[in-house]
C-alpha cells in the first residue's frame, strides 16, 4: 500500500506538470526531476526487497549514470568514473549541438535501473510522463539527441556492472555459519541463511581493496567473567532490559531492516521499508533541497554518497564473513537467557562490524564535505514508512546516533558499532579525497 501511495504521489506531481497536452506543459525543475527519479527507484527497491548491499549497488550505478550525463551542463564538474575502477571511456556530447542534460541523465538513470532491478514495469508510467514533459518543451532533434546520449552513457555503466562479481556470485551456495563458540549461526525468528556472504569479493569503485580499512579483531571467545567477550554480551542484555523511551525511539528510527518477518499466531507477513543505504539517499535528498542545489550538484551528491555506500558495504561485509562473529541473541540465549529476544529483529548476517554504523559514517563523511559541518536538518526519510522523524545538528551526529542505535536495538555489541563507525569514516574521507582531487 505504501508503495502504491508513493507511485500515486509521483504521478500526481507529473500530472500537474503535464495536464494540458494541447499547449506546452510546464517543465519541472531539473533538480526536482533527479529527486523524483531517485524516489521512484527507492520504491522499486522496497517493493523488490533487495538486501542492503544489493540496494547500494543499484543506487550507485544509477547515480553514476545520472551524474555523468548531468555534468556536461556545467563545465566546472568533471567525470567521477574516470577515477573509479573498471569503467570504459564515456561518450561526449557533439560540439555545437543542443542537449537537455537532465533528460539525458534521466534516460541514463533508467537505462541502468531497468537492468539492475526486477519490477521494471513499475517505471514505465513514470518514465513516459517524464519523457512526454520534455518532448512538449524541446525540439525533436534536441529531444532525440539527449535521449540517445543518455542511453549511451547507461550502456557504458552497465558494461562495468556486468563484471563487478555480482552476476558471478548469484549461484553461490547458502551460508549457514557454524555451531561453535563465538561463531555466527542463523538467528531467530526465522533462522535464515547468511545474506551476501561473497559481497567482500565485489569489485570496488574507489578503495584499493576490501581489507584496506579493516578494524582489529573482535574480542576472542572466553568464559572468564571479567573478559571483554563476556562483558560485551552482558552489556547488551542489561541495557535492553532498561531502555529509555528515547533509546527505543532511536533504535526503531534507524532500524531500516528491509525485510522484517512478523508473526501473529500461525500467520506470517513481511513489513517492508527502506534499506540503510536508502535512508542515506533520503538524507542526501533533504540536503540538496534544503540548500536549493542545482541539478549538477544534486547529481554529484547522489553519486558520491552512493559510491561511499557501495564501497563501505564491501569493506564491512569482508570483515563480517572473515570473522563470522555470533550475534548477541545467539550468545545471550546460550549463556544468559534462552528466551531473550532483542528489541529489533536481528538481520541474517554476522555481527562484526555493524553494517549500518559503517555505511552511515561513510555517507556522513561525504555529505559533510559536500554540504559543510554543522549542517542542521530534519530527517524525514522514514516518515512515509514508519511515521517517524528526527532532527540533527550535523550529518556526523546522525551517523553517531545510527551507530548507537544498533546497540540499543540489541542486534550489535557496542564495540562492533564503534569499530564500524571508525571504518566507515575512513572510507568516506578516502573516497572524497580521491574523487574530488583534481587531476
Protein backbone atom coordinates (compact mmCIF):
# COMPACT_ATOMS: atom_id res chain seq x y z
CA UNK A 1 0.00 0.00 0.00
CA UNK A 2 2.84 2.43 0.86
CA UNK A 3 4.43 1.58 -2.48
CA UNK A 4 1.20 2.39 -4.34
CA UNK A 5 0.77 5.65 -2.44
CA UNK A 6 4.32 6.63 -3.36
CA UNK A 7 3.74 5.99 -7.05
CA UNK A 8 0.46 7.90 -6.82
CA UNK A 9 2.32 10.89 -5.37
CA UNK A 10 4.82 10.86 -8.23
CA UNK A 11 2.02 10.51 -10.78
CA UNK A 12 0.14 13.48 -9.31
CA UNK A 13 3.20 15.71 -9.49
CA UNK A 14 3.82 14.77 -13.08
CA UNK A 15 0.13 15.03 -13.97
CA UNK A 16 0.01 18.62 -12.78
CA UNK A 17 3.05 19.43 -14.88
CA UNK A 18 1.63 17.63 -17.88
CA UNK A 19 -2.11 18.23 -17.62
CA UNK A 20 -2.59 20.37 -20.72
CA UNK A 21 -1.16 18.42 -23.63
CA UNK A 22 -2.54 20.84 -26.22
CA UNK A 23 -0.09 23.52 -25.09
CA UNK A 24 3.41 23.18 -23.79
CA UNK A 25 3.39 21.72 -20.31
CA UNK A 26 5.48 23.37 -17.63
CA UNK A 27 8.83 21.78 -17.01
CA UNK A 28 9.57 20.51 -13.54
CA UNK A 29 12.89 21.95 -12.34
CA UNK A 30 15.94 19.93 -13.30
CA UNK A 31 16.88 19.13 -9.73
CA UNK A 32 13.32 18.04 -8.89
CA UNK A 33 13.37 15.59 -11.80
CA UNK A 34 16.51 13.99 -10.36
CA UNK A 35 14.88 13.75 -6.94
CA UNK A 36 11.79 12.14 -8.43
CA UNK A 37 13.99 9.66 -10.29
CA UNK A 38 15.64 8.60 -7.04
CA UNK A 39 12.30 8.41 -5.28
CA UNK A 40 10.86 6.16 -7.98
CA UNK A 41 13.90 3.90 -7.72
CA UNK A 42 13.64 3.67 -3.93
CA UNK A 43 10.03 2.49 -4.20
CA UNK A 44 11.06 -0.33 -6.53
CA UNK A 45 13.95 -1.29 -4.25
CA UNK A 46 11.49 -1.53 -1.36
CA UNK A 47 8.95 -3.46 -3.43
CA UNK A 48 11.55 -5.93 -4.73
CA UNK A 49 13.00 -6.41 -1.20
CA UNK A 50 16.65 -6.06 -2.20
CA UNK A 51 19.17 -6.71 0.56
CA UNK A 52 21.09 -3.67 1.85
CA UNK A 53 24.33 -4.48 -0.04
CA UNK A 54 22.48 -5.11 -3.30
CA UNK A 55 20.48 -1.91 -2.86
CA UNK A 56 23.74 0.03 -2.56
CA UNK A 57 24.84 -1.42 -5.90
CA UNK A 58 21.59 -0.30 -7.53
CA UNK A 59 21.85 3.21 -6.10
CA UNK A 60 25.49 3.59 -7.13
CA UNK A 61 25.30 2.54 -10.77
CA UNK A 62 22.14 4.54 -11.44
CA UNK A 63 23.50 7.64 -9.68
CA UNK A 64 26.80 7.46 -11.56
CA UNK A 65 24.94 7.22 -14.87
CA UNK A 66 22.81 10.22 -13.95
CA UNK A 67 25.79 12.32 -12.88
CA UNK A 68 27.93 11.53 -15.91
CA UNK A 69 25.15 12.84 -18.16
CA UNK A 70 24.25 15.81 -15.94
CA UNK A 71 27.77 17.14 -15.51
CA UNK A 72 28.03 18.47 -19.06
CA UNK A 73 25.59 21.22 -18.09
CA UNK A 74 28.35 22.84 -16.03
CA UNK A 75 31.99 22.72 -17.23
CA UNK A 76 33.41 23.04 -13.71
CA UNK A 77 32.29 19.49 -12.95
CA UNK A 78 34.46 16.60 -14.11
CA UNK A 79 33.93 12.88 -14.56
CA UNK A 80 33.74 10.71 -11.47
CA UNK A 81 34.01 7.35 -13.17
CA UNK A 82 37.35 8.34 -14.75
CA UNK A 83 38.72 7.99 -11.20
CA UNK A 84 36.96 4.72 -10.46
CA UNK A 85 37.95 1.18 -11.33
CA UNK A 86 36.88 -0.72 -14.41
CA UNK A 87 34.82 1.78 -16.42
CA UNK A 88 35.26 2.31 -20.14
CA UNK A 89 35.59 5.79 -21.58
CA UNK A 90 32.29 7.62 -21.81
CA UNK A 91 30.86 9.28 -24.91
CA UNK A 92 30.84 13.07 -25.12
CA UNK A 93 28.22 15.45 -26.49
CA UNK A 94 28.66 16.58 -30.07
CA UNK A 95 30.18 20.05 -30.38
CA UNK A 96 27.74 22.72 -31.42
CA UNK A 97 24.67 20.59 -30.78
CA UNK A 98 21.92 21.28 -28.25
CA UNK A 99 21.21 18.84 -25.42
CA UNK A 100 18.98 18.75 -22.40
CA UNK A 101 21.30 17.11 -19.91
CA UNK A 102 18.65 16.40 -17.29
CA UNK A 103 16.69 14.47 -19.89
CA UNK A 104 19.90 12.65 -20.81
CA UNK A 105 20.56 11.95 -17.14
CA UNK A 106 17.06 10.54 -16.71
CA UNK A 107 17.49 8.25 -19.69
CA UNK A 108 20.91 7.11 -18.43
CA UNK A 109 19.46 6.55 -14.95
CA UNK A 110 16.60 4.35 -16.13
CA UNK A 111 18.66 2.55 -18.76
CA UNK A 112 20.67 1.25 -15.81
CA UNK A 113 17.76 0.92 -13.37
CA UNK A 114 15.85 -1.35 -15.72
CA UNK A 115 18.75 -3.81 -15.82
CA UNK A 116 19.57 -3.91 -12.10
CA UNK A 117 16.05 -4.22 -10.64
CA UNK A 118 13.19 -6.68 -11.10
CA UNK A 119 9.89 -4.76 -11.24
CA UNK A 120 10.88 -2.71 -14.29
CA UNK A 121 7.27 -2.32 -15.43
CA UNK A 122 6.78 -0.09 -12.39
CA UNK A 123 8.98 2.54 -14.06
CA UNK A 124 7.04 2.73 -17.31
CA UNK A 125 4.25 5.20 -16.44
CA UNK A 126 6.65 7.43 -14.58
CA UNK A 127 9.20 7.44 -17.40
CA UNK A 128 6.55 8.06 -20.03
CA UNK A 129 5.32 11.15 -18.19
CA UNK A 130 8.84 12.50 -17.79
CA UNK A 131 9.70 11.94 -21.44
CA UNK A 132 6.38 13.44 -22.59
CA UNK A 133 7.07 16.51 -20.49
CA UNK A 134 10.42 17.02 -22.21
CA UNK A 135 9.01 16.21 -25.62
CA UNK A 136 6.49 19.02 -25.16
CA UNK A 137 9.24 21.52 -24.41
CA UNK A 138 12.10 20.56 -26.72
CA UNK A 139 12.51 20.47 -30.46
CA UNK A 140 12.57 16.96 -31.86
CA UNK A 141 16.27 16.88 -32.67
CA UNK A 142 17.31 18.01 -29.17
CA UNK A 143 14.95 15.52 -27.57
CA UNK A 144 16.18 12.58 -29.65
CA UNK A 145 19.83 13.57 -29.28
CA UNK A 146 19.54 13.89 -25.49
CA UNK A 147 17.80 10.55 -25.09
CA UNK A 148 20.37 8.81 -27.28
CA UNK A 149 23.24 10.38 -25.33
CA UNK A 150 21.79 9.24 -22.01
CA UNK A 151 21.25 5.73 -23.31
CA UNK A 152 24.87 5.52 -24.50
CA UNK A 153 26.12 6.54 -21.06
CA UNK A 154 23.85 4.00 -19.40
CA UNK A 155 25.26 1.22 -21.58
CA UNK A 156 28.83 2.05 -20.55
CA UNK A 157 27.82 1.92 -16.89
CA UNK A 158 26.08 -1.42 -17.39
CA UNK A 159 29.15 -2.88 -19.06
CA UNK A 160 31.05 -2.38 -15.82
CA UNK A 161 28.18 -3.75 -13.73
CA UNK A 162 28.29 -6.98 -15.73
CA UNK A 163 31.80 -7.78 -14.46
CA UNK A 164 31.73 -6.49 -10.86
CA UNK A 165 31.32 -10.06 -9.50
CA UNK A 166 27.64 -9.64 -8.68
CA UNK A 167 26.29 -11.73 -11.57
CA UNK A 168 29.10 -14.22 -10.97
CA UNK A 169 28.04 -14.86 -7.35
CA UNK A 170 24.29 -15.36 -7.82
CA UNK A 171 24.60 -19.15 -7.85
CA UNK A 172 26.56 -19.28 -4.60
CA UNK A 173 25.62 -21.92 -2.00
CA UNK A 174 23.88 -20.98 1.25
CA UNK A 175 25.97 -19.77 4.16
CA UNK A 176 24.82 -21.35 7.42
CA UNK A 177 27.78 -20.47 9.64
CA UNK A 178 28.97 -22.92 12.24
CA UNK A 179 27.76 -24.01 15.63
CA UNK A 180 30.91 -23.27 17.62
CA UNK A 181 31.75 -20.66 20.28
CA UNK A 182 31.59 -17.05 19.12
CA UNK A 183 30.75 -18.05 15.54
CA UNK A 184 27.71 -16.87 13.64
CA UNK A 185 24.76 -19.16 13.10
CA UNK A 186 21.23 -18.37 11.81
CA UNK A 187 19.19 -16.31 14.25
CA UNK A 188 15.53 -16.18 15.34
CA UNK A 189 12.76 -15.84 14.45
CA UNK A 190 13.24 -17.47 11.04
CA UNK A 191 16.84 -18.70 11.09
CA UNK A 192 17.64 -17.54 7.56
CA UNK A 193 20.97 -18.26 5.89
CA UNK A 194 23.66 -15.57 5.81
CA UNK A 195 22.97 -12.78 3.31
CA UNK A 196 25.50 -11.96 0.57
CA UNK A 197 28.47 -13.79 2.09
CA UNK A 198 30.50 -13.14 -1.11
CA UNK A 199 29.98 -9.36 -1.02
CA UNK A 200 33.52 -8.77 0.21
CA UNK A 201 34.73 -10.07 -3.16
CA UNK A 202 32.85 -7.43 -5.14
CA UNK A 203 34.88 -5.17 -7.41
CA UNK A 204 35.29 -1.91 -5.52
CA UNK A 205 34.79 1.54 -7.03
CA UNK A 206 37.36 3.74 -5.31
CA UNK A 207 39.09 1.93 -2.44
CA UNK A 208 42.21 -0.14 -3.06
CA UNK A 209 40.88 -3.37 -1.56
CA UNK A 210 38.06 -4.66 0.63
CA UNK A 211 40.50 -5.07 3.51
CA UNK A 212 42.07 -1.61 3.19
CA UNK A 213 40.37 -0.22 6.29
CA UNK A 214 39.82 -3.42 8.24
CA UNK A 215 39.46 -2.92 12.03
CA UNK A 216 41.21 -5.05 14.67
CA UNK A 217 39.65 -8.44 15.54
CA UNK A 218 36.64 -8.54 17.86
CA UNK A 219 37.05 -9.87 21.42
CA UNK A 220 38.02 -13.54 21.41
CA UNK A 221 35.72 -16.15 22.90
CA UNK A 222 36.18 -16.53 26.64
CA UNK A 223 34.25 -17.85 29.62
CA UNK A 224 36.12 -15.61 32.04
CA UNK A 225 33.51 -13.31 33.62
CA UNK A 226 35.99 -10.43 33.51
CA UNK A 227 36.82 -10.89 29.82
CA UNK A 228 35.79 -8.42 27.13
CA UNK A 229 33.80 -11.19 25.45
CA UNK A 230 31.57 -11.81 28.47
CA UNK A 231 31.31 -8.10 29.27
CA UNK A 232 30.03 -7.23 25.80
CA UNK A 233 27.09 -9.64 25.72
CA UNK A 234 26.21 -8.94 29.36
CA UNK A 235 26.19 -5.24 28.49
CA UNK A 236 23.71 -5.78 25.65
CA UNK A 237 21.43 -7.92 27.83
CA UNK A 238 21.36 -5.46 30.73
CA UNK A 239 20.93 -2.41 28.51
CA UNK A 240 17.99 -3.93 26.63
CA UNK A 241 16.12 -4.55 29.88
CA UNK A 242 16.37 -0.88 30.86
CA UNK A 243 15.95 1.11 27.65
CA UNK A 244 14.51 4.60 27.94
CA UNK A 245 11.68 5.80 25.71
CA UNK A 246 14.13 7.84 23.64
CA UNK A 247 16.54 4.92 23.24
CA UNK A 248 13.69 2.77 21.96
CA UNK A 249 12.70 5.52 19.54
CA UNK A 250 16.29 5.85 18.29
CA UNK A 251 16.58 2.11 17.74
CA UNK A 252 13.32 1.93 15.79
CA UNK A 253 14.04 5.07 13.78
CA UNK A 254 17.30 3.65 12.42
CA UNK A 255 16.12 0.04 12.09
CA UNK A 256 15.93 0.20 8.26
CA UNK A 257 15.54 -3.56 8.02
CA UNK A 258 14.02 -4.04 4.54
CA UNK A 259 12.55 -7.45 5.35
CA UNK A 260 11.20 -7.79 8.89
CA UNK A 261 9.25 -11.03 9.21
CA UNK A 262 6.24 -10.59 11.51
CA UNK A 263 4.45 -13.49 13.19
CA UNK A 264 0.90 -13.48 14.54
CA UNK A 265 -0.06 -16.96 15.65
CA UNK A 266 0.14 -19.15 12.57
CA UNK A 267 0.19 -16.14 10.26
CA UNK A 268 3.39 -14.66 8.87
CA UNK A 269 3.78 -11.39 6.97
CA UNK A 270 6.59 -9.05 5.95
CA UNK A 271 7.00 -5.40 6.90
CA UNK A 272 8.89 -3.65 4.09
CA UNK A 273 10.77 -0.39 4.46
CA UNK A 274 13.85 1.42 3.19
CA UNK A 275 17.32 -0.06 3.45
CA UNK A 276 20.13 1.62 5.44
CA UNK A 277 21.53 2.94 2.17
CA UNK A 278 18.10 4.15 1.10
CA UNK A 279 17.89 6.11 4.34
CA UNK A 280 21.08 8.00 3.49
CA UNK A 281 19.92 8.57 -0.07
CA UNK A 282 16.88 10.18 1.55
CA UNK A 283 19.12 12.36 3.70
CA UNK A 284 21.01 13.37 0.55
CA UNK A 285 17.69 14.46 -0.98
CA UNK A 286 16.92 16.54 2.09
CA UNK A 287 20.33 18.24 1.99
CA UNK A 288 20.02 19.06 -1.70
CA UNK A 289 16.53 20.51 -1.33
CA UNK A 290 17.43 22.45 1.80
CA UNK A 291 20.37 24.12 0.02
CA UNK A 292 18.47 24.57 -3.26
CA UNK A 293 21.25 22.65 -5.02
CA UNK A 294 21.12 22.82 -8.79
CA UNK A 295 20.83 19.69 -10.90
CA UNK A 296 24.55 19.04 -11.35
CA UNK A 297 25.36 19.43 -7.66
CA UNK A 298 22.36 17.25 -6.85
CA UNK A 299 23.54 14.55 -9.24
CA UNK A 300 27.04 14.76 -7.77
CA UNK A 301 25.77 14.43 -4.20
CA UNK A 302 23.79 11.31 -5.09
CA UNK A 303 26.75 9.82 -6.95
CA UNK A 304 29.35 10.44 -4.24
CA UNK A 305 27.07 9.22 -1.46
CA UNK A 306 26.24 6.11 -3.46
CA UNK A 307 29.89 5.31 -4.15
CA UNK A 308 30.58 5.64 -0.42
CA UNK A 309 27.68 3.29 0.34
CA UNK A 310 28.84 0.70 -2.17
CA UNK A 311 32.48 0.58 -1.10
CA UNK A 312 31.57 0.73 2.60
CA UNK A 313 29.28 -2.28 2.25
CA UNK A 314 32.06 -4.21 0.53
CA UNK A 315 34.57 -3.41 3.28
CA UNK A 316 32.10 -4.19 6.04
CA UNK A 317 30.97 -7.47 4.51
CA UNK A 318 34.57 -8.58 4.05
CA UNK A 319 35.05 -8.15 7.79
CA UNK A 320 31.70 -9.75 8.66
CA UNK A 321 32.36 -13.02 6.89
CA UNK A 322 36.06 -13.07 7.70
CA UNK A 323 35.31 -13.30 11.42
CA UNK A 324 31.75 -14.72 11.13
CA UNK A 325 31.07 -13.42 14.63
CA UNK A 326 27.97 -14.53 16.54
CA UNK A 327 25.08 -12.11 17.09
CA UNK A 328 24.12 -11.04 20.63
CA UNK A 329 20.87 -13.05 20.50
CA UNK A 330 22.76 -16.30 19.87
CA UNK A 331 25.22 -15.74 22.70
CA UNK A 332 22.70 -14.41 25.21
CA UNK A 333 20.26 -17.27 24.52
CA UNK A 334 23.08 -19.71 25.18
CA UNK A 335 24.78 -18.01 28.13
CA UNK A 336 22.13 -16.00 29.99
CA UNK A 337 18.50 -16.28 28.91
CA UNK A 338 17.26 -18.78 26.30
CA UNK A 339 14.02 -16.86 25.82
CA UNK A 340 15.53 -13.40 25.27
CA UNK A 341 14.94 -11.51 22.03
CA UNK A 342 16.35 -8.09 21.13
CA UNK A 343 14.20 -5.02 20.61
CA UNK A 344 14.90 -5.15 16.85
CA UNK A 345 14.79 -8.24 14.69
CA UNK A 346 18.34 -9.45 14.04
CA UNK A 347 19.30 -9.25 10.33
CA UNK A 348 20.57 -12.52 8.80
CA UNK A 349 24.32 -12.00 8.60
CA UNK A 350 27.30 -11.97 11.00
CA UNK A 351 27.72 -9.36 13.72
CA UNK A 352 31.16 -7.75 13.42
CA UNK A 353 31.31 -4.98 12.28
CA UNK A 354 27.97 -3.18 12.33
CA UNK A 355 26.91 -2.53 8.74
CA UNK A 356 24.65 0.45 9.41
CA UNK A 357 27.38 2.09 11.51
CA UNK A 358 29.89 1.62 8.70
CA UNK A 359 27.84 2.89 5.79
CA UNK A 360 26.34 5.75 7.82
CA UNK A 361 29.75 7.07 8.85
CA UNK A 362 30.97 6.79 5.25
CA UNK A 363 27.91 8.66 3.94
CA UNK A 364 28.14 11.30 6.65
CA UNK A 365 31.80 11.96 5.80
CA UNK A 366 30.99 12.55 2.13
CA UNK A 367 27.93 14.69 2.86
CA UNK A 368 29.85 16.78 5.38
CA UNK A 369 32.43 17.58 2.71
CA UNK A 370 29.68 18.31 0.20
CA UNK A 371 27.43 20.49 2.37
CA UNK A 372 29.57 21.51 5.33
CA UNK A 373 29.90 20.79 9.02
CA UNK A 374 27.13 21.64 11.47
CA UNK A 375 24.53 21.14 8.75
CA UNK A 376 21.28 21.05 10.72
CA UNK A 377 18.40 19.14 9.17
CA UNK A 378 15.19 17.29 9.95
CA UNK A 379 15.40 13.69 8.81
CA UNK A 380 12.04 12.81 7.27
CA UNK A 381 13.44 9.96 5.14
CA UNK A 382 11.41 7.35 7.02
CA UNK A 383 8.27 9.41 7.56
CA UNK A 384 6.30 7.66 4.79
CA UNK A 385 7.28 4.23 6.04
CA UNK A 386 7.29 4.30 9.85
CA UNK A 387 5.77 7.69 10.65
CA UNK A 388 8.88 8.95 12.46
CA UNK A 389 11.25 11.89 12.02
CA UNK A 390 14.22 13.21 13.98
CA UNK A 391 16.34 16.35 13.89
CA UNK A 392 20.14 16.54 13.82
CA UNK A 393 22.74 19.28 14.00
CA UNK A 394 25.06 17.59 11.52
CA UNK A 395 25.49 14.51 9.37
CA UNK A 396 28.08 13.30 11.85
CA UNK A 397 25.60 13.46 14.71
CA UNK A 398 23.09 11.48 12.65
CA UNK A 399 25.72 8.83 11.92
CA UNK A 400 26.70 8.65 15.59
CA UNK A 401 23.08 8.09 16.55
CA UNK A 402 22.81 5.41 13.89
CA UNK A 403 25.78 3.62 15.41
CA UNK A 404 24.47 3.57 18.98
CA UNK A 405 21.00 2.60 17.72
CA UNK A 406 22.27 -0.87 16.85
CA UNK A 407 23.33 -1.39 20.47
CA UNK A 408 20.01 -0.07 21.76
CA UNK A 409 18.26 -2.43 19.37
CA UNK A 410 20.16 -5.38 20.81
CA UNK A 411 21.46 -6.55 17.44
CA UNK A 412 25.09 -5.46 17.87
CA UNK A 413 27.70 -5.31 20.58
CA UNK A 414 28.83 -1.79 21.37
CA UNK A 415 32.36 -2.50 20.16
CA UNK A 416 31.05 -3.57 16.75
CA UNK A 417 29.12 -0.33 16.37
CA UNK A 418 32.17 1.75 17.30
CA UNK A 419 34.56 -0.14 15.05
CA UNK A 420 32.14 0.03 12.14
CA UNK A 421 31.80 3.80 12.55
CA UNK A 422 35.57 4.26 12.57
CA UNK A 423 35.92 2.10 9.48
CA UNK A 424 33.16 3.97 7.64
CA UNK A 425 34.58 7.39 8.44
CA UNK A 426 37.93 6.40 6.95
CA UNK A 427 36.25 5.04 3.83
CA UNK A 428 34.12 8.16 3.30
CA UNK A 429 37.04 10.55 3.68
CA UNK A 430 39.24 8.43 1.41
CA UNK A 431 36.58 8.45 -1.30
CA UNK A 432 36.04 12.19 -1.08
CA UNK A 433 39.77 12.93 -1.28
CA UNK A 434 40.22 10.58 -4.23
CA UNK A 435 37.24 11.72 -6.26
CA UNK A 436 37.30 15.43 -5.55
CA UNK A 437 41.03 15.98 -6.02
CA UNK A 438 41.67 17.50 -9.41
CA UNK A 439 43.70 15.51 -11.94
